[in-house]
PDB file of N, CA and C in Angstrom:
ATOM      1  N   MET A   1       5.010  10.529  19.091  1.00  0.00           N
ATOM      2  CA  MET A   1       5.550   9.211  18.768  1.00  0.00           C
ATOM      3  C   MET A   1       5.480   8.997  17.266  1.00  0.00           C
ATOM      4  N   ARG A   2       6.536   8.474  16.692  1.00  0.00           N
ATOM      5  CA  ARG A   2       6.577   8.231  15.262  1.00  0.00           C
ATOM      6  C   ARG A   2       6.012   6.857  14.942  1.00  0.00           C
ATOM      7  N   THR A   3       5.335   6.755  13.820  1.00  0.00           N
ATOM      8  CA  THR A   3       4.877   5.469  13.326  1.00  0.00           C
ATOM      9  C   THR A   3       5.414   5.296  11.917  1.00  0.00           C
ATOM     10  N   ALA A   4       5.595   4.058  11.493  1.00  0.00           N
ATOM     11  CA  ALA A   4       6.123   3.782  10.161  1.00  0.00           C
ATOM     12  C   ALA A   4       4.994   3.356   9.246  1.00  0.00           C
ATOM     13  N   ASN A   5       5.022   3.857   8.029  1.00  0.00           N
ATOM     14  CA  ASN A   5       4.005   3.545   7.034  1.00  0.00           C
ATOM     15  C   ASN A   5       4.677   3.306   5.695  1.00  0.00           C
ATOM     16  N   ILE A   6       4.029   2.510   4.856  1.00  0.00           N
ATOM     17  CA  ILE A   6       4.489   2.261   3.498  1.00  0.00           C
ATOM     18  C   ILE A   6       3.430   2.819   2.553  1.00  0.00           C
ATOM     19  N   LEU A   7       3.865   3.628   1.605  1.00  0.00           N
ATOM     20  CA  LEU A   7       2.975   4.183   0.598  1.00  0.00           C
ATOM     21  C   LEU A   7       3.394   3.593  -0.736  1.00  0.00           C
ATOM     22  N   ASP A   8       2.585   2.664  -1.260  1.00  0.00           N
ATOM     23  CA  ASP A   8       2.896   1.956  -2.503  1.00  0.00           C
ATOM     24  C   ASP A   8       2.438   2.789  -3.686  1.00  0.00           C
ATOM     25  N   THR A   9       3.405   3.306  -4.456  1.00  0.00           N
ATOM     26  CA  THR A   9       3.074   4.075  -5.658  1.00  0.00           C
ATOM     27  C   THR A   9       3.662   3.408  -6.895  1.00  0.00           C
ATOM     28  N   LYS A  10       3.939   2.112  -6.789  1.00  0.00           N
ATOM     29  CA  LYS A  10       4.510   1.392  -7.932  1.00  0.00           C
ATOM     30  C   LYS A  10       3.564   1.487  -9.132  1.00  0.00           C
ATOM     31  N   GLY A  11       4.149   1.736 -10.296  1.00  0.00           N
ATOM     32  CA  GLY A  11       3.375   1.836 -11.521  1.00  0.00           C
ATOM     33  C   GLY A  11       2.876   3.249 -11.819  1.00  0.00           C
ATOM     34  N   LEU A  12       2.997   4.161 -10.856  1.00  0.00           N
ATOM     35  CA  LEU A  12       2.563   5.543 -11.070  1.00  0.00           C
ATOM     36  C   LEU A  12       3.736   6.386 -11.540  1.00  0.00           C
ATOM     37  N   LEU A  13       3.474   7.279 -12.471  1.00  0.00           N
ATOM     38  CA  LEU A  13       4.508   8.175 -12.974  1.00  0.00           C
ATOM     39  C   LEU A  13       4.349   9.555 -12.357  1.00  0.00           C
ATOM     40  N   CYS A  14       5.435  10.307 -12.384  1.00  0.00           N
ATOM     41  CA  CYS A  14       5.447  11.672 -11.873  1.00  0.00           C
ATOM     42  C   CYS A  14       4.324  12.474 -12.540  1.00  0.00           C
ATOM     43  N   PRO A  15       3.594  13.223 -11.770  1.00  0.00           N
ATOM     44  CA  PRO A  15       3.798  13.630 -10.386  1.00  0.00           C
ATOM     45  C   PRO A  15       2.971  12.830  -9.385  1.00  0.00           C
ATOM     46  N   LEU A  16       2.356  11.719  -9.806  1.00  0.00           N
ATOM     47  CA  LEU A  16       1.427  11.003  -8.932  1.00  0.00           C
ATOM     48  C   LEU A  16       2.039  10.493  -7.620  1.00  0.00           C
ATOM     49  N   PRO A  17       3.280   9.973  -7.584  1.00  0.00           N
ATOM     50  CA  PRO A  17       3.816   9.566  -6.276  1.00  0.00           C
ATOM     51  C   PRO A  17       3.880  10.732  -5.280  1.00  0.00           C
ATOM     52  N   VAL A  18       4.260  11.911  -5.750  1.00  0.00           N
ATOM     53  CA  VAL A  18       4.326  13.076  -4.866  1.00  0.00           C
ATOM     54  C   VAL A  18       2.917  13.498  -4.431  1.00  0.00           C
ATOM     55  N   ILE A  19       1.967  13.436  -5.346  1.00  0.00           N
ATOM     56  CA  ILE A  19       0.581  13.774  -5.003  1.00  0.00           C
ATOM     57  C   ILE A  19       0.041  12.808  -3.960  1.00  0.00           C
ATOM     58  N   ARG A  20       0.319  11.523  -4.105  1.00  0.00           N
ATOM     59  CA  ARG A  20      -0.140  10.531  -3.113  1.00  0.00           C
ATOM     60  C   ARG A  20       0.502  10.796  -1.751  1.00  0.00           C
ATOM     61  N   LEU A  21       1.779  11.171  -1.762  1.00  0.00           N
ATOM     62  CA  LEU A  21       2.457  11.496  -0.513  1.00  0.00           C
ATOM     63  C   LEU A  21       1.819  12.722   0.131  1.00  0.00           C
ATOM     64  N   GLN A  22       1.548  13.742  -0.646  1.00  0.00           N
ATOM     65  CA  GLN A  22       0.906  14.952  -0.123  1.00  0.00           C
ATOM     66  C   GLN A  22      -0.458  14.620   0.479  1.00  0.00           C
ATOM     67  N   GLU A  23      -1.243  13.794  -0.195  1.00  0.00           N
ATOM     68  CA  GLU A  23      -2.556  13.388   0.325  1.00  0.00           C
ATOM     69  C   GLU A  23      -2.409  12.642   1.645  1.00  0.00           C
ATOM     70  N   PHE A  24      -1.408  11.765   1.731  1.00  0.00           N
ATOM     71  CA  PHE A  24      -1.160  11.009   2.958  1.00  0.00           C
ATOM     72  C   PHE A  24      -0.814  11.954   4.108  1.00  0.00           C
ATOM     73  N   VAL A  25       0.088  12.884   3.848  1.00  0.00           N
ATOM     74  CA  VAL A  25       0.571  13.787   4.894  1.00  0.00           C
ATOM     75  C   VAL A  25      -0.550  14.683   5.419  1.00  0.00           C
ATOM     76  N   ARG A  26      -1.477  15.046   4.580  1.00  0.00           N
ATOM     77  CA  ARG A  26      -2.601  15.881   5.029  1.00  0.00           C
ATOM     78  C   ARG A  26      -3.424  15.198   6.113  1.00  0.00           C
ATOM     79  N   ARG A  27      -3.339  13.871   6.205  1.00  0.00           N
ATOM     80  CA  ARG A  27      -4.140  13.121   7.179  1.00  0.00           C
ATOM     81  C   ARG A  27      -3.377  12.756   8.451  1.00  0.00           C
ATOM     82  N   VAL A  28      -2.068  13.025   8.511  1.00  0.00           N
ATOM     83  CA  VAL A  28      -1.318  12.628   9.708  1.00  0.00           C
ATOM     84  C   VAL A  28      -1.642  13.553  10.872  1.00  0.00           C
ATOM     85  N   GLU A  29      -1.682  12.973  12.054  1.00  0.00           N
ATOM     86  CA  GLU A  29      -2.005  13.741  13.256  1.00  0.00           C
ATOM     87  C   GLU A  29      -0.797  13.955  14.146  1.00  0.00           C
ATOM     88  N   SER A  30       0.284  13.222  13.865  1.00  0.00           N
ATOM     89  CA  SER A  30       1.518  13.398  14.624  1.00  0.00           C
ATOM     90  C   SER A  30       2.686  13.086  13.701  1.00  0.00           C
ATOM     91  N   GLU A  31       3.888  13.360  14.192  1.00  0.00           N
ATOM     92  CA  GLU A  31       5.083  13.078  13.396  1.00  0.00           C
ATOM     93  C   GLU A  31       5.030  11.627  12.928  1.00  0.00           C
ATOM     94  N   THR A  32       5.210  11.429  11.636  1.00  0.00           N
ATOM     95  CA  THR A  32       5.031  10.104  11.050  1.00  0.00           C
ATOM     96  C   THR A  32       6.135   9.823  10.051  1.00  0.00           C
ATOM     97  N   GLU A  33       6.658   8.628  10.103  1.00  0.00           N
ATOM     98  CA  GLU A  33       7.643   8.198   9.126  1.00  0.00           C
ATOM     99  C   GLU A  33       6.919   7.422   8.040  1.00  0.00           C
ATOM    100  N   VAL A  34       7.183   7.774   6.784  1.00  0.00           N
ATOM    101  CA  VAL A  34       6.538   7.094   5.667  1.00  0.00           C
ATOM    102  C   VAL A  34       7.587   6.786   4.609  1.00  0.00           C
ATOM    103  N   THR A  35       7.505   5.569   4.073  1.00  0.00           N
ATOM    104  CA  THR A  35       8.377   5.167   2.975  1.00  0.00           C
ATOM    105  C   THR A  35       7.537   5.056   1.717  1.00  0.00           C
ATOM    106  N   VAL A  36       7.905   5.836   0.718  1.00  0.00           N
ATOM    107  CA  VAL A  36       7.249   5.773  -0.584  1.00  0.00           C
ATOM    108  C   VAL A  36       8.007   4.743  -1.405  1.00  0.00           C
ATOM    109  N   VAL A  37       7.289   3.742  -1.900  1.00  0.00           N
ATOM    110  CA  VAL A  37       7.870   2.716  -2.758  1.00  0.00           C
ATOM    111  C   VAL A  37       7.362   2.998  -4.165  1.00  0.00           C
ATOM    112  N   ALA A  38       8.289   3.212  -5.091  1.00  0.00           N
ATOM    113  CA  ALA A  38       7.913   3.623  -6.440  1.00  0.00           C
ATOM    114  C   ALA A  38       8.742   2.879  -7.484  1.00  0.00           C
ATOM    115  N   THR A  39       8.246   2.898  -8.714  1.00  0.00           N
ATOM    116  CA  THR A  39       8.998   2.364  -9.842  1.00  0.00           C
ATOM    117  C   THR A  39       9.475   3.489 -10.757  1.00  0.00           C
ATOM    118  N   ASP A  40       9.056   4.706 -10.496  1.00  0.00           N
ATOM    119  CA  ASP A  40       9.481   5.874 -11.264  1.00  0.00           C
ATOM    120  C   ASP A  40      10.714   6.473 -10.600  1.00  0.00           C
ATOM    121  N   PRO A  41      11.866   6.469 -11.277  1.00  0.00           N
ATOM    122  CA  PRO A  41      13.078   7.001 -10.661  1.00  0.00           C
ATOM    123  C   PRO A  41      13.004   8.500 -10.373  1.00  0.00           C
ATOM    124  N   GLY A  42      12.031   9.183 -10.924  1.00  0.00           N
ATOM    125  CA  GLY A  42      11.866  10.605 -10.668  1.00  0.00           C
ATOM    126  C   GLY A  42      11.633  10.933  -9.208  1.00  0.00           C
ATOM    127  N   VAL A  43      11.146   9.952  -8.424  1.00  0.00           N
ATOM    128  CA  VAL A  43      10.905  10.220  -6.998  1.00  0.00           C
ATOM    129  C   VAL A  43      12.191  10.545  -6.259  1.00  0.00           C
ATOM    130  N   LEU A  44      13.335  10.082  -6.781  1.00  0.00           N
ATOM    131  CA  LEU A  44      14.608  10.347  -6.108  1.00  0.00           C
ATOM    132  C   LEU A  44      14.961  11.827  -6.110  1.00  0.00           C
ATOM    133  N   ALA A  45      14.413  12.586  -7.034  1.00  0.00           N
ATOM    134  CA  ALA A  45      14.603  14.044  -7.063  1.00  0.00           C
ATOM    135  C   ALA A  45      13.355  14.766  -6.589  1.00  0.00           C
ATOM    136  N   ASP A  46      12.195  14.258  -6.987  1.00  0.00           N
ATOM    137  CA  ASP A  46      10.938  14.971  -6.701  1.00  0.00           C
ATOM    138  C   ASP A  46      10.591  15.007  -5.219  1.00  0.00           C
ATOM    139  N   ILE A  47      10.725  13.885  -4.523  1.00  0.00           N
ATOM    140  CA  ILE A  47      10.330  13.849  -3.111  1.00  0.00           C
ATOM    141  C   ILE A  47      11.285  14.664  -2.238  1.00  0.00           C
ATOM    142  N   PRO A  48      12.607  14.593  -2.442  1.00  0.00           N
ATOM    143  CA  PRO A  48      13.475  15.491  -1.656  1.00  0.00           C
ATOM    144  C   PRO A  48      13.134  16.973  -1.875  1.00  0.00           C
ATOM    145  N   SER A  49      12.816  17.349  -3.100  1.00  0.00           N
ATOM    146  CA  SER A  49      12.419  18.737  -3.376  1.00  0.00           C
ATOM    147  C   SER A  49      11.124  19.075  -2.658  1.00  0.00           C
ATOM    148  N   TRP A  50      10.170  18.163  -2.705  1.00  0.00           N
ATOM    149  CA  TRP A  50       8.887  18.361  -2.018  1.00  0.00           C
ATOM    150  C   TRP A  50       9.118  18.547  -0.511  1.00  0.00           C
ATOM    151  N   CYS A  51      10.020  17.760   0.059  1.00  0.00           N
ATOM    152  CA  CYS A  51      10.330  17.879   1.494  1.00  0.00           C
ATOM    153  C   CYS A  51      10.873  19.264   1.813  1.00  0.00           C
ATOM    154  N   ARG A  52      11.823  19.752   1.019  1.00  0.00           N
ATOM    155  CA  ARG A  52      12.413  21.075   1.266  1.00  0.00           C
ATOM    156  C   ARG A  52      11.352  22.162   1.193  1.00  0.00           C
ATOM    157  N   VAL A  53      10.478  22.102   0.217  1.00  0.00           N
ATOM    158  CA  VAL A  53       9.455  23.130   0.029  1.00  0.00           C
ATOM    159  C   VAL A  53       8.406  23.091   1.135  1.00  0.00           C
ATOM    160  N   ASN A  54       8.068  21.887   1.622  1.00  0.00           N
ATOM    161  CA  ASN A  54       6.945  21.727   2.549  1.00  0.00           C
ATOM    162  C   ASN A  54       7.337  21.498   4.002  1.00  0.00           C
ATOM    163  N   GLY A  55       8.638  21.547   4.314  1.00  0.00           N
ATOM    164  CA  GLY A  55       9.069  21.463   5.701  1.00  0.00           C
ATOM    165  C   GLY A  55       9.073  20.075   6.307  1.00  0.00           C
ATOM    166  N   HIS A  56       9.241  19.054   5.474  1.00  0.00           N
ATOM    167  CA  HIS A  56       9.342  17.692   5.984  1.00  0.00           C
ATOM    168  C   HIS A  56      10.801  17.255   5.877  1.00  0.00           C
ATOM    169  N   GLU A  57      11.145  16.167   6.527  1.00  0.00           N
ATOM    170  CA  GLU A  57      12.540  15.732   6.590  1.00  0.00           C
ATOM    171  C   GLU A  57      12.758  14.477   5.752  1.00  0.00           C
ATOM    172  N   LEU A  58      13.708  14.552   4.834  1.00  0.00           N
ATOM    173  CA  LEU A  58      14.109  13.388   4.057  1.00  0.00           C
ATOM    174  C   LEU A  58      15.019  12.538   4.925  1.00  0.00           C
ATOM    175  N   ILE A  59      14.674  11.271   5.098  1.00  0.00           N
ATOM    176  CA  ILE A  59      15.489  10.370   5.916  1.00  0.00           C
ATOM    177  C   ILE A  59      16.447   9.569   5.046  1.00  0.00           C
ATOM    178  N   SER A  60      15.932   8.977   3.958  1.00  0.00           N
ATOM    179  CA  SER A  60      16.811   8.179   3.105  1.00  0.00           C
ATOM    180  C   SER A  60      16.193   7.963   1.735  1.00  0.00           C
ATOM    181  N   THR A  61      17.060   7.656   0.786  1.00  0.00           N
ATOM    182  CA  THR A  61      16.637   7.207  -0.544  1.00  0.00           C
ATOM    183  C   THR A  61      17.430   5.947  -0.856  1.00  0.00           C
ATOM    184  N   LYS A  62      16.750   4.961  -1.426  1.00  0.00           N
ATOM    185  CA  LYS A  62      17.406   3.691  -1.759  1.00  0.00           C
ATOM    186  C   LYS A  62      16.879   3.205  -3.094  1.00  0.00           C
ATOM    187  N   GLU A  63      17.781   2.660  -3.887  1.00  0.00           N
ATOM    188  CA  GLU A  63      17.396   1.995  -5.125  1.00  0.00           C
ATOM    189  C   GLU A  63      17.546   0.507  -4.875  1.00  0.00           C
ATOM    190  N   LEU A  64      16.439  -0.222  -4.962  1.00  0.00           N
ATOM    191  CA  LEU A  64      16.442  -1.665  -4.719  1.00  0.00           C
ATOM    192  C   LEU A  64      15.932  -2.354  -5.972  1.00  0.00           C
ATOM    193  N   GLY A  65      16.860  -2.728  -6.837  1.00  0.00           N
ATOM    194  CA  GLY A  65      16.462  -3.316  -8.111  1.00  0.00           C
ATOM    195  C   GLY A  65      15.744  -2.278  -8.954  1.00  0.00           C
ATOM    196  N   ARG A  66      14.502  -2.566  -9.295  1.00  0.00           N
ATOM    197  CA  ARG A  66      13.703  -1.634 -10.101  1.00  0.00           C
ATOM    198  C   ARG A  66      12.742  -0.813  -9.242  1.00  0.00           C
ATOM    199  N   GLU A  67      12.935  -0.857  -7.945  1.00  0.00           N
ATOM    200  CA  GLU A  67      12.111  -0.070  -7.029  1.00  0.00           C
ATOM    201  C   GLU A  67      12.957   1.002  -6.356  1.00  0.00           C
ATOM    202  N   TYR A  68      12.297   2.081  -6.038  1.00  0.00           N
ATOM    203  CA  TYR A  68      12.934   3.199  -5.352  1.00  0.00           C
ATOM    204  C   TYR A  68      12.184   3.424  -4.049  1.00  0.00           C
ATOM    205  N   HIS A  69      12.914   3.471  -2.951  1.00  0.00           N
ATOM    206  CA  HIS A  69      12.320   3.660  -1.627  1.00  0.00           C
ATOM    207  C   HIS A  69      12.808   5.000  -1.090  1.00  0.00           C
ATOM    208  N   VAL A  70      11.873   5.871  -0.802  1.00  0.00           N
ATOM    209  CA  VAL A  70      12.204   7.189  -0.261  1.00  0.00           C
ATOM    210  C   VAL A  70      11.483   7.316   1.074  1.00  0.00           C
ATOM    211  N   THR A  71      12.259   7.486   2.139  1.00  0.00           N
ATOM    212  CA  THR A  71      11.683   7.576   3.477  1.00  0.00           C
ATOM    213  C   THR A  71      11.722   9.019   3.950  1.00  0.00           C
ATOM    214  N   VAL A  72      10.567   9.456   4.468  1.00  0.00           N
ATOM    215  CA  VAL A  72      10.357  10.843   4.864  1.00  0.00           C
ATOM    216  C   VAL A  72       9.809  10.875   6.289  1.00  0.00           C
ATOM    217  N   ARG A  73      10.245  11.847   7.059  1.00  0.00           N
ATOM    218  CA  ARG A  73       9.605  12.136   8.345  1.00  0.00           C
ATOM    219  C   ARG A  73       8.651  13.294   8.070  1.00  0.00           C
ATOM    220  N   ALA A  74       7.365  12.994   8.135  1.00  0.00           N
ATOM    221  CA  ALA A  74       6.331  13.987   7.838  1.00  0.00           C
ATOM    222  C   ALA A  74       5.762  14.546   9.127  1.00  0.00           C
ATOM    223  N   PHE A  75       5.457  15.806   9.074  1.00  0.00           N
ATOM    224  CA  PHE A  75       4.883  16.503  10.227  1.00  0.00           C
ATOM    225  C   PHE A  75       3.449  16.873   9.918  1.00  0.00           C
ATOM    226  N   PRO A  76       2.585  16.854  10.915  1.00  0.00           N
ATOM    227  CA  PRO A  76       1.173  17.158  10.656  1.00  0.00           C
ATOM    228  C   PRO A  76       1.004  18.596  10.162  1.00  0.00           C
ATOM    229  N   PRO A  77      -0.067  18.824   9.419  1.00  0.00           N
ATOM    230  CA  PRO A  77      -0.332  20.191   8.953  1.00  0.00           C
ATOM    231  C   PRO A  77      -0.547  21.117  10.147  1.00  0.00           C
ATOM    232  N   LEU A  78      -0.132  22.348   9.986  1.00  0.00           N
ATOM    233  CA  LEU A  78      -0.333  23.343  11.038  1.00  0.00           C
ATOM    234  C   LEU A  78      -1.789  23.744  11.093  1.00  0.00           C
ATOM    235  N   SER A  79      -2.309  23.878  12.290  1.00  0.00           N
ATOM    236  CA  SER A  79      -3.683  24.350  12.466  1.00  0.00           C
ATOM    237  C   SER A  79      -3.717  25.855  12.293  1.00  0.00           C
ATOM    238  N   VAL A  80      -4.748  26.325  11.639  1.00  0.00           N
ATOM    239  CA  VAL A  80      -4.873  27.763  11.422  1.00  0.00           C
ATOM    240  C   VAL A  80      -6.015  28.294  12.256  1.00  0.00           C
TER     241      VAL A  80
END
């Protein structure tokens, strides 16, 4: 079951929004939808790239005034 989460990274510059997202994803136990809210426009390129490299799904990107919302479907880390 998917759950929705908001990750507030407003005021943080690259690469911190991506690092915060990575830290969040390490703690998920099931498929989870998360929206990163940022003020750094770099997230519009950085998070989609991070998704491709790490096997997560980019759902949407939106520019809302001076905020950028990037929604990702994150999958739990694989057990080794």
